[in-house]
Amino acid sequence: MTTAIKFDPKAVVEEALRFNQKIAAGLKTLRSVPDVDFGCTDKEEIYREGKTVLYRFKGEGKPTARVPILIVYALVNRPYMVDLQEDRSLVRNLLARGEDVYLIDWGYPDRSDRWLTLDDYINGYIHNCVGAICERHGLPAINVLGICQGGAFSICYSALHPERVRNLITMVTPVDFHTDDNMLSHWTRSMDVDLFVDTLGNVPADLMNYCYLMLKPYRLNFQKYVGLADILDDEHELENFLRMEKWIFDSPDLAGETFRQFIKDFYHGNKLVQGGLQIGGEDVDPLRITMPVLNIFAEQDHLVPPSASRPLGGIIGTDDYTELAFRGGHIGIYVSSRAQREVPSAIHDWLARRNR
């Protein structure tokens, strides 16, 4: 027996009128919204090498932490997701708690960077930035906070140069690249990366963005834009939406050779877990990571599922290993109101217990 669907023509007309009114108000709001940008915290350039720039953020007061933090972000997006806007900024919240925060900005690679390797990024740029901070503060080692792919780089760096890392923090970082629930891994493991890079050279940012969007095609390509109609007449919410969109589509190309190596060694070979990873001719042995490690992951992460992050504790050599599961997604761990309350405090408190 089927149930007839009740249809109220009057209600449909009223809904259509409300929608038209919201669109009209939204068009007015759009004309009044200024150009949005990201990166809200003052910073100063400390060191530059090629397109890579090391910044130090300026808080309202002097840092009270004795050991600074270096944020190592992924290559695939601009790093200012950690400092998106005043009320959504991991950086500002860390500064407010007395931390001294640095960040590596990888810039925008072009054809002259086609042959940069993992060795260049990890033993070159990261190592030189760490050295610049150590020299500036008169310290032998600093704290490193690696995010997503930058977390994988930071794990490798900490294994290759353990004497330079006081404490290691990883956020939404893939470690096991062969978990069953990792859709991006399943796609990538069937890729002919040699043909891909030999044909394209550097990997276009638009192509990478398209791949990420297709992991959730309905949610990321349709639903969020339908939902935009609900906030068109709210200038603050509209600015938030446009700022996020600008960050998503302001992505750099990827250096071709680095991409080739990363896909082969991490996605194809799963060498962080399986062993055999070499960078710059040196073995990357996670057992050399004997400093304290805090591993933060997001429970609803569709890019780096928890099952991909959790294995870190089983491959490193430290007894001081802590996991923090955040209830949210890959982006929510930076920008949600819950993240602003929980994540910076967790990082600060964990470091405070180890930097005395």
Protein backbone atom coordinates (compact mmCIF):
# COMPACT_ATOMS: atom_id res chain seq x y z
CA MET A 1 0.00 0.00 0.00
CA THR A 2 1.45 3.33 -1.02
CA THR A 3 0.89 6.53 0.91
CA ALA A 4 -0.07 9.57 -1.11
CA ILE A 5 2.26 12.54 -0.73
CA LYS A 6 0.41 15.62 0.38
CA PHE A 7 1.06 18.60 -1.86
CA ASP A 8 0.28 22.11 -0.65
CA PRO A 9 0.52 24.58 -3.56
CA LYS A 10 0.37 27.54 -1.20
CA ALA A 11 3.31 26.29 0.85
CA VAL A 12 5.35 25.72 -2.32
CA VAL A 13 4.68 29.27 -3.51
CA GLU A 14 5.59 30.72 -0.12
CA GLU A 15 8.83 28.73 -0.06
CA ALA A 16 9.69 29.96 -3.57
CA LEU A 17 9.03 33.55 -2.52
CA ARG A 18 11.24 33.20 0.57
CA PHE A 19 14.01 31.71 -1.58
CA ASN A 20 13.77 34.58 -4.09
CA GLN A 21 13.87 37.12 -1.27
CA LYS A 22 16.97 35.46 0.17
CA ILE A 23 18.68 35.44 -3.23
CA ALA A 24 17.86 39.14 -3.71
CA ALA A 25 19.24 39.95 -0.25
CA GLY A 26 22.26 37.81 -1.00
CA LEU A 27 23.10 39.71 -4.15
CA LYS A 28 23.06 42.90 -2.12
CA THR A 29 25.29 41.31 0.51
CA LEU A 30 27.74 40.06 -2.09
CA ARG A 31 28.22 43.61 -3.39
CA SER A 32 29.06 44.82 0.12
CA VAL A 33 31.48 42.03 1.09
CA PRO A 34 35.11 43.17 0.74
CA ASP A 35 37.78 41.00 -0.82
CA VAL A 36 38.47 38.26 1.70
CA ASP A 37 41.92 37.01 2.59
CA PHE A 38 43.49 34.57 5.02
CA GLY A 39 46.44 34.86 7.33
CA CYS A 40 45.32 37.19 10.12
CA THR A 41 48.33 37.20 12.45
CA ASP A 42 51.30 39.55 12.05
CA LYS A 43 54.52 37.78 11.17
CA GLU A 44 58.10 38.51 10.23
CA GLU A 45 60.37 36.80 7.74
CA ILE A 46 63.26 35.03 9.46
CA TYR A 47 64.87 33.01 6.69
CA ARG A 48 64.43 32.53 2.95
CA GLU A 49 65.75 29.89 0.57
CA GLY A 50 64.44 29.87 -2.98
CA LYS A 51 60.66 30.11 -2.76
CA THR A 52 60.59 28.76 0.79
CA VAL A 53 60.16 31.34 3.56
CA LEU A 54 60.36 30.83 7.32
CA TYR A 55 58.05 33.13 9.30
CA ARG A 56 57.81 33.91 12.99
CA PHE A 57 54.36 34.97 14.21
CA LYS A 58 53.92 37.97 16.51
CA GLY A 59 51.56 37.65 19.45
CA GLU A 60 50.20 40.43 21.63
CA GLY A 61 52.70 39.58 24.36
CA LYS A 62 56.14 38.02 24.54
CA PRO A 63 56.28 34.21 24.38
CA THR A 64 56.67 32.46 27.71
CA ALA A 65 57.56 29.04 26.26
CA ARG A 66 61.28 28.31 26.34
CA VAL A 67 61.24 26.14 23.21
CA PRO A 68 59.62 27.41 19.98
CA ILE A 69 57.32 25.43 17.70
CA LEU A 70 57.92 25.05 13.95
CA ILE A 71 54.79 24.25 11.92
CA VAL A 72 55.52 22.10 8.85
CA TYR A 73 52.51 22.11 6.55
CA ALA A 74 51.72 19.96 3.51
CA LEU A 75 52.86 20.92 0.03
CA VAL A 76 49.40 20.58 -1.52
CA ASN A 77 47.73 23.62 0.09
CA ARG A 78 48.72 27.02 1.39
CA PRO A 79 49.70 26.80 5.06
CA TYR A 80 47.39 29.52 6.33
CA MET A 81 44.61 27.14 7.19
CA VAL A 82 46.32 27.26 10.60
CA ASP A 83 45.76 31.04 10.67
CA LEU A 84 42.63 31.45 8.58
CA GLN A 85 40.92 34.31 10.48
CA GLU A 86 40.91 35.80 13.97
CA ASP A 87 38.32 33.43 15.44
CA ARG A 88 39.65 30.42 13.52
CA SER A 89 43.38 30.35 14.09
CA LEU A 90 45.48 27.61 15.64
CA VAL A 91 48.40 30.05 15.51
CA ARG A 92 46.65 32.85 17.45
CA ASN A 93 45.47 30.41 20.10
CA LEU A 94 48.96 28.98 20.55
CA LEU A 95 50.41 32.49 20.81
CA ALA A 96 47.77 33.42 23.38
CA ARG A 97 49.02 30.53 25.53
CA GLY A 98 52.59 31.79 25.38
CA GLU A 99 53.96 29.59 22.62
CA ASP A 100 56.56 30.91 20.18
CA VAL A 101 55.32 29.88 16.73
CA TYR A 102 57.18 29.61 13.43
CA LEU A 103 55.86 28.35 10.09
CA ILE A 104 57.37 27.23 6.78
CA ASP A 105 55.71 28.71 3.69
CA TRP A 106 56.67 26.57 0.69
CA GLY A 107 55.58 29.20 -1.84
CA TYR A 108 54.42 28.36 -5.36
CA PRO A 109 56.73 25.95 -7.22
CA ASP A 110 57.20 26.57 -10.93
CA ARG A 111 59.03 24.75 -13.72
CA SER A 112 62.41 25.63 -12.21
CA ASP A 113 61.44 23.43 -9.23
CA ARG A 114 60.50 20.41 -11.34
CA TRP A 115 63.43 18.32 -10.07
CA LEU A 116 63.20 19.11 -6.35
CA THR A 117 63.22 15.89 -4.33
CA LEU A 118 62.12 14.73 -0.89
CA ASP A 119 65.77 15.15 0.10
CA ASP A 120 65.60 18.82 -0.90
CA TYR A 121 62.50 19.42 1.19
CA ILE A 122 63.42 17.37 4.27
CA ASN A 123 67.22 17.48 4.53
CA GLY A 124 67.32 20.85 2.80
CA TYR A 125 64.52 23.31 3.53
CA ILE A 126 63.21 21.83 6.79
CA HIS A 127 66.68 21.20 8.18
CA ASN A 128 67.85 24.71 7.31
CA CYS A 129 64.73 26.29 8.83
CA VAL A 130 65.20 24.29 12.02
CA GLY A 131 68.84 25.37 12.08
CA ALA A 132 67.88 29.03 11.68
CA ILE A 133 65.49 28.80 14.64
CA CYS A 134 67.99 26.92 16.80
CA GLU A 135 70.66 29.53 16.07
CA ARG A 136 68.27 32.39 16.78
CA HIS A 137 67.30 30.98 20.19
CA GLY A 138 70.61 29.38 21.13
CA LEU A 139 68.99 25.95 21.39
CA PRO A 140 70.15 22.52 20.20
CA ALA A 141 66.59 21.40 19.34
CA ILE A 142 63.05 22.75 18.90
CA ASN A 143 59.48 21.45 18.85
CA VAL A 144 58.12 20.39 15.45
CA LEU A 145 54.42 20.34 14.57
CA GLY A 146 53.80 18.51 11.28
CA ILE A 147 50.42 18.66 9.58
CA CYS A 148 49.06 16.12 7.06
CA GLN A 149 51.79 15.46 4.46
CA GLY A 150 53.94 17.86 6.47
CA GLY A 151 53.53 15.44 9.36
CA ALA A 152 54.95 12.62 7.26
CA PHE A 153 57.86 14.91 6.35
CA SER A 154 58.31 15.73 10.05
CA ILE A 155 58.40 12.05 11.00
CA CYS A 156 61.13 11.51 8.41
CA TYR A 157 63.02 14.58 9.59
CA SER A 158 62.81 13.49 13.23
CA ALA A 159 64.16 10.05 12.31
CA LEU A 160 67.01 11.52 10.28
CA HIS A 161 67.85 14.36 12.69
CA PRO A 162 66.59 13.34 16.15
CA GLU A 163 69.11 15.62 17.83
CA ARG A 164 67.26 18.65 16.39
CA VAL A 165 63.73 17.75 17.58
CA ARG A 166 62.85 18.27 21.25
CA ASN A 167 59.21 17.17 20.89
CA LEU A 168 57.30 15.96 17.83
CA ILE A 169 53.62 16.70 17.24
CA THR A 170 51.73 15.29 14.26
CA MET A 171 48.24 16.37 13.17
CA VAL A 172 46.01 14.44 10.74
CA THR A 173 49.15 12.72 9.50
CA PRO A 174 49.12 9.57 7.34
CA VAL A 175 51.48 6.85 8.54
CA ASP A 176 50.01 3.61 7.20
CA PHE A 177 49.12 4.34 3.57
CA HIS A 178 47.48 0.95 2.93
CA THR A 179 44.47 0.98 5.24
CA ASP A 180 41.23 -0.39 3.81
CA ASP A 181 39.18 2.76 4.54
CA ASN A 182 41.52 5.19 2.76
CA MET A 183 39.89 5.97 -0.59
CA LEU A 184 42.68 8.32 -1.65
CA SER A 185 45.16 5.51 -1.07
CA HIS A 186 43.15 3.08 -3.22
CA TRP A 187 43.09 5.58 -6.08
CA THR A 188 46.76 6.44 -5.82
CA ARG A 189 48.10 2.90 -5.54
CA SER A 190 46.89 2.11 -9.06
CA MET A 191 48.50 5.23 -10.54
CA ASP A 192 51.27 4.98 -13.12
CA VAL A 193 53.14 7.82 -11.45
CA ASP A 194 56.10 7.66 -13.85
CA LEU A 195 53.84 8.23 -16.87
CA PHE A 196 51.96 10.90 -14.91
CA VAL A 197 55.02 12.96 -13.96
CA ASP A 198 56.93 12.35 -17.20
CA THR A 199 53.91 13.72 -19.07
CA LEU A 200 52.95 16.67 -16.85
CA GLY A 201 56.18 17.66 -15.13
CA ASN A 202 54.90 19.53 -12.10
CA VAL A 203 51.48 18.41 -10.90
CA PRO A 204 48.85 21.12 -11.55
CA ALA A 205 47.08 22.36 -8.43
CA ASP A 206 43.69 22.32 -10.15
CA LEU A 207 44.08 18.62 -10.93
CA MET A 208 44.95 17.83 -7.31
CA ASN A 209 41.99 19.88 -6.05
CA TYR A 210 39.65 18.06 -8.41
CA CYS A 211 40.82 14.70 -7.06
CA TYR A 212 40.21 15.80 -3.46
CA LEU A 213 36.76 17.16 -4.30
CA MET A 214 35.79 13.89 -5.97
CA LEU A 215 36.41 11.98 -2.75
CA LYS A 216 33.06 13.43 -1.63
CA PRO A 217 31.53 14.57 -4.92
CA TYR A 218 28.01 15.32 -3.71
CA ARG A 219 29.03 17.07 -0.50
CA LEU A 220 31.92 19.10 -1.93
CA ASN A 221 30.66 19.87 -5.45
CA PHE A 222 26.91 20.32 -4.96
CA GLN A 223 25.58 20.29 -1.42
CA LYS A 224 27.72 23.08 -0.02
CA TYR A 225 26.76 25.42 -2.86
CA VAL A 226 23.07 24.66 -2.40
CA GLY A 227 23.55 25.43 1.28
CA LEU A 228 25.13 28.74 0.32
CA ALA A 229 21.62 30.08 -0.35
CA ASP A 230 20.90 29.85 3.38
CA ILE A 231 23.71 32.25 4.32
CA LEU A 232 23.68 34.69 1.40
CA ASP A 233 22.04 37.39 3.51
CA ASP A 234 24.48 36.92 6.43
CA GLU A 235 27.60 38.95 5.70
CA HIS A 236 29.74 37.30 8.40
CA GLU A 237 28.86 33.74 7.35
CA LEU A 238 29.29 34.65 3.69
CA GLU A 239 32.77 36.02 4.36
CA ASN A 240 33.66 32.78 6.17
CA PHE A 241 32.43 30.75 3.19
CA LEU A 242 34.31 32.86 0.62
CA ARG A 243 37.49 32.80 2.68
CA MET A 244 37.41 29.02 2.80
CA GLU A 245 36.73 28.80 -0.94
CA LYS A 246 39.63 31.13 -1.66
CA TRP A 247 41.96 28.99 0.43
CA ILE A 248 40.80 25.78 -1.27
CA PHE A 249 41.42 27.08 -4.77
CA ASP A 250 44.61 29.03 -4.01
CA SER A 251 46.75 25.91 -4.10
CA PRO A 252 50.30 25.57 -5.41
CA ASP A 253 51.48 23.17 -8.08
CA LEU A 254 53.59 20.27 -6.81
CA ALA A 255 57.20 19.68 -7.80
CA GLY A 256 57.08 16.71 -10.14
CA GLU A 257 59.99 14.68 -8.79
CA THR A 258 58.90 15.12 -5.18
CA PHE A 259 55.41 13.93 -6.13
CA ARG A 260 56.86 10.88 -7.91
CA GLN A 261 58.94 9.92 -4.89
CA PHE A 262 56.15 10.52 -2.40
CA ILE A 263 53.67 8.39 -4.33
CA LYS A 264 56.15 5.55 -4.87
CA ASP A 265 57.63 5.44 -1.36
CA PHE A 266 54.55 6.24 0.71
CA TYR A 267 51.42 5.28 -1.25
CA HIS A 268 52.84 2.43 -3.33
CA GLY A 269 55.54 1.08 -1.01
CA ASN A 270 54.03 2.10 2.36
CA LYS A 271 57.63 2.34 3.52
CA LEU A 272 57.04 4.23 6.76
CA VAL A 273 55.35 1.08 8.04
CA GLN A 274 56.96 -1.62 5.91
CA GLY A 275 60.51 -0.23 6.07
CA GLY A 276 63.03 0.44 3.33
CA LEU A 277 62.47 4.21 3.08
CA GLN A 278 65.56 6.16 2.10
CA ILE A 279 65.88 9.93 1.76
CA GLY A 280 69.10 11.46 0.50
CA GLY A 281 70.71 8.02 0.57
CA GLU A 282 70.03 7.59 4.31
CA ASP A 283 67.71 5.05 5.88
CA VAL A 284 64.67 6.56 7.58
CA ASP A 285 64.34 4.47 10.74
CA PRO A 286 61.34 5.52 12.88
CA LEU A 287 62.90 3.73 15.87
CA ARG A 288 65.31 6.67 16.04
CA ILE A 289 62.35 8.83 17.08
CA THR A 290 62.97 8.65 20.82
CA MET A 291 61.71 12.13 21.71
CA PRO A 292 58.14 12.58 23.10
CA VAL A 293 55.44 12.34 20.40
CA LEU A 294 51.87 13.68 20.39
CA ASN A 295 49.72 12.29 17.57
CA ILE A 296 46.47 14.19 16.90
CA PHE A 297 43.94 12.82 14.42
CA ALA A 298 40.35 13.57 13.41
CA GLU A 299 37.73 10.88 13.91
CA GLN A 300 35.70 11.86 10.80
CA ASP A 301 38.67 12.52 8.53
CA HIS A 302 37.97 11.38 4.94
CA LEU A 303 41.50 12.21 3.71
CA VAL A 304 43.53 10.70 6.56
CA PRO A 305 41.31 8.27 8.47
CA PRO A 306 42.30 7.48 12.08
CA SER A 307 43.37 3.99 11.04
CA ALA A 308 46.08 5.63 8.90
CA SER A 309 47.40 7.80 11.76
CA ARG A 310 47.25 5.45 14.75
CA PRO A 311 50.05 3.09 13.61
CA LEU A 312 52.60 5.81 14.39
CA GLY A 313 52.81 4.61 17.98
CA GLY A 314 53.84 1.14 16.86
CA ILE A 315 56.77 2.12 14.66
CA ILE A 316 58.65 4.73 16.71
CA GLY A 317 61.21 4.22 19.45
CA THR A 318 59.83 6.46 22.22
CA ASP A 319 57.97 5.34 25.33
CA ASP A 320 56.45 8.83 25.65
CA TYR A 321 53.72 8.56 23.03
CA THR A 322 50.30 10.22 23.32
CA GLU A 323 47.26 10.08 21.03
CA LEU A 324 44.51 12.69 20.87
CA ALA A 325 41.36 11.86 18.91
CA PHE A 326 39.45 14.97 17.82
CA ARG A 327 35.77 14.72 17.01
CA GLY A 328 35.66 16.33 13.59
CA GLY A 329 37.04 16.21 10.07
CA HIS A 330 40.27 17.00 8.26
CA ILE A 331 39.50 20.73 7.99
CA GLY A 332 37.37 21.00 11.13
CA ILE A 333 40.41 20.22 13.25
CA TYR A 334 41.71 23.71 12.35
CA VAL A 335 38.61 25.87 12.04
CA SER A 336 35.69 24.53 14.08
CA SER A 337 34.75 26.21 17.35
CA ARG A 338 35.43 22.95 19.19
CA ALA A 339 38.92 22.80 17.68
CA GLN A 340 39.66 26.36 18.85
CA ARG A 341 38.81 25.31 22.41
CA GLU A 342 40.44 21.89 22.49
CA VAL A 343 43.42 21.54 20.14
CA PRO A 344 45.65 24.53 21.07
CA SER A 345 45.15 23.85 24.79
CA ALA A 346 45.99 20.17 24.32
CA ILE A 347 49.20 21.03 22.45
CA HIS A 348 50.23 23.69 24.96
CA ASP A 349 49.52 21.56 28.02
CA TRP A 350 51.32 18.54 26.53
CA LEU A 351 54.39 20.65 25.70
CA ALA A 352 54.36 22.41 29.08
CA ARG A 353 54.74 19.07 30.84
CA ARG A 354 57.82 18.26 28.74
CA ASN A 355 59.62 21.59 28.33
CA ARG A 356 60.21 22.33 32.02
